[in-house]
Amino acid sequence: MDNPFEPLRTHYPKYDVMHEQEHWDEHTREIVVKRFDLPVTFSQLTGAEVECIRALTALFVDDSRLKLLDYVVKHYDSKLASTIGEDQRKAGTPPEKVLIRDGLAALETLAQSEYSHSFTALSPERQTALLVGLERDTLTLQTPVGTKLPAPEFFKKMLTESVSAYYSHPLVWSEIGYGGPAYPRGYVRSEFGLTDPWEAKRDA
């Protein structure tokens, strides 16, 4: 549940990028507006996987707002359902769908092995310790059936996908002062320190 008493997260409290949508082309506007729609259920992810992705994302972006965490989960669910192939991957790394799904299971196995608790039940400090171990390749990532996974590649994949999805949400755009899609209007004042009249202005 969102905390209504959460400290202000933005220098642009009066800015809402959605007020600029009339300047976007129809296709772009449709894509961006749909980012506010969240499914009641997820077609590819189990409840445990959803909770784990929420916990990982909250650590990666330092934000526990459920509507944004679930938007990131929606991104993963869509990726797992997609028939579009990935561009490239490091030798020895399994396909991204396998890496994500098996990696989540392996992370749970690791948490149980190290702390005798589910990953989502651990304190943020212990969760972070596990992730640091994966990033530095000092902890072994192994699925419940014994398949070993490249820990740094799993960490990198989850970090990249989570952060990328999080910063594609219009609410986050507004908070960081991003003006949204430039097409077809475009940005005119490109000189250092100058902004177009419709861009976000930082409160003093």
Foldseek 3Di string as FASTA:
>chain_A
DDDPPDPQLFLFVPFFLLVVLVQADPVQSVVQVCLQDFDPDFDADDPLLLLLLLLLLCLLVVDNPPSLSRSLVNLVSVVLVDPDADDDDDPPADGPNCLSVQQQQQLQVQCCVPPVDGLSPDDNVVNVVSLVCLLVVVDWRAHPVGRTHNSNVSSVVSSVSSVVSSCSHSVNCRRHFNNPDQPPVHWDPPDPPDGDPNTGDGDD
